[in-house]
Protein backbone atom coordinates (compact mmCIF):
# COMPACT_ATOMS: atom_id res chain seq x y z
CA MET A 1 7.76 -8.82 9.40
CA THR A 2 6.26 -5.40 8.84
CA PHE A 3 3.51 -3.68 6.95
CA ALA A 4 3.97 -1.55 3.83
CA ASN A 5 1.85 1.18 2.26
CA CYS A 6 1.25 2.61 5.73
CA LEU A 7 1.51 6.27 4.74
CA LEU A 8 -0.96 5.81 1.88
CA PHE A 9 -3.29 3.51 3.81
CA PRO A 10 -6.00 6.16 4.43
CA LEU A 11 -6.17 6.83 0.67
CA VAL A 12 -6.24 3.11 -0.14
CA LEU A 13 -9.01 2.51 2.39
CA ALA A 14 -11.11 5.44 1.17
CA SER A 15 -10.66 4.38 -2.45
CA ARG A 16 -11.64 0.77 -1.76
CA LEU A 17 -14.65 1.75 0.32
CA ALA A 18 -15.86 4.15 -2.37
CA GLU A 19 -15.39 1.47 -5.03
CA ALA A 20 -17.30 -1.10 -2.96
CA LEU A 21 -20.18 1.32 -2.42
CA ARG A 22 -20.26 2.25 -6.08
CA ARG A 23 -20.11 -1.28 -7.48
CA GLY A 24 -21.53 -3.37 -4.65
CA ALA A 25 -19.41 -5.32 -2.19
CA ASP A 26 -19.91 -8.67 -3.98
CA GLU A 27 -18.56 -7.56 -7.35
CA ALA A 28 -14.81 -8.15 -7.52
CA ARG A 29 -12.72 -5.89 -9.73
CA SER A 30 -9.08 -4.95 -9.98
CA SER A 31 -8.15 -1.61 -8.42
CA ASN A 32 -5.23 -1.17 -10.82
CA ARG A 33 -5.66 1.94 -12.91
CA GLU A 34 -3.33 4.29 -14.69
CA LEU A 35 -2.73 7.55 -12.85
CA PRO A 36 -1.62 10.90 -14.27
CA GLY A 37 2.19 11.24 -14.35
CA PRO A 38 2.53 13.99 -11.69
CA LEU A 39 0.29 12.14 -9.22
CA ASN A 40 2.13 8.90 -9.87
CA ALA A 41 5.45 10.69 -9.19
CA VAL A 42 4.19 11.98 -5.82
CA LEU A 43 2.90 8.55 -4.79
CA ARG A 44 6.19 6.96 -5.87
CA ARG A 45 8.15 9.38 -3.66
CA VAL A 46 5.92 8.53 -0.69
CA LEU A 47 6.50 4.79 -1.22
CA LEU A 48 10.25 5.27 -1.64
CA SER A 49 10.44 7.20 1.63
CA GLU A 50 8.50 4.43 3.36
CA ALA A 51 10.85 1.82 1.88
CA ALA A 52 13.81 3.76 3.31
CA LEU A 53 12.20 3.60 6.76
CA ILE A 54 11.67 -0.14 6.45
CA ARG A 55 15.31 -0.66 5.37
CA ARG A 56 16.39 1.19 8.52
CA GLY A 57 14.42 -1.31 10.61
CA VAL A 58 11.34 0.78 11.36
CA ASN A 59 8.35 -1.50 11.99
CA LEU A 60 5.23 0.03 10.50
CA PRO A 61 2.10 -0.62 12.61
CA PHE A 62 -0.40 -1.07 9.75
CA GLY A 63 -0.68 -0.85 5.99
CA SER A 64 -2.31 -2.35 2.93
CA SER A 65 0.53 -4.86 2.38
CA LEU A 66 2.50 -7.18 4.61
CA ILE A 67 6.21 -7.87 4.10
CA VAL A 68 7.74 -11.02 5.57
CA VAL A 69 11.36 -12.07 5.16
CA MET A 70 12.17 -15.62 6.16
CA ARG A 71 15.50 -17.38 6.27
CA ARG A 72 16.09 -21.09 6.21
CA PRO A 73 17.91 -22.23 9.37
CA ALA A 74 21.57 -23.10 8.76
């Protein structure tokens, strides 16, 4: 079990807090939005580098997502 989106967590947190302040905390809305191509490419590279760390067994201490791999006992 580990977290994901650790490296981008400060941006995710700031974005969600700004959205909550702008709309009001009770109003739910999807945070999915289309980003400009160059920015999306940079963010993708960050996530790919984080995925490489996770594959090497690095346990990330926090993030905006949680990854859990479970195996059924033999």
